[in-house]
Amino acid sequence: MTRRYTIAPGAIRTQDFGSKLRGYDPAQVRSFLEEIADQMDAVLNEATMLREKLARAQREAGELRKLDDATLPPGGAAPKAADDTRRAAEAEATDIIARAHVAAESAVAESQERLFQLHREINELTTLKSRIIGQIETLLNSQLDHLELLKGNDTPVVPEDAPEAPPVLAEVLDDERVA
């Protein structure tokens, strides 16, 4: 059934055109008529295209119905097959989720163990740092004490059980004492 599209006469009658000395402006009238014609062509082309699409879709639907009728077993096996497929998909989804939970729990446990190890290593390093700082502090204090002794005592400190100085050194030391 082909439909014939017509322009409503009222729209044409109510259209106002600018006037000139000799009546309506012919360019405006021609422009309006061209616009109407273009719009009519577009509407007719779209309608033809939509009718063709509808006819193709109806043919395809008919072919699919024939194919369904030919491939489905009698007795309503289609809903049972669909239910079986749905159940299988749900079971697979449940299995995938369960495996994901196990993998996530394993990853969390490994992360917690690694975190515990890192905390233990940090504590060990902190203790080692404190010991090293203490040792350096003791060494520096010892050196400062020794330095203070050297600053306050102009005479050489010679232990009592020290061997006698060689003669050259003894002369230098005697010269320094005299001076």
Foldseek 3Di string as FASTA:
>chain_A
DDDDDDDDVVVVVPDDADADPVGGDVVVVVVVVVVVVVVVVVVNVVVVVVVVVVVVVVVVVVVVVVVCVVPDDPDPCVVVVVVVVVVVVVVVVVVVVVVVVVVVVVVVVVVVVVVVVVVVVVVVVVVVVVVVVVVVVVVVVVVVVVVVVPVVDPDDDDDPPDDDDPPVVVVVNVVVVVD
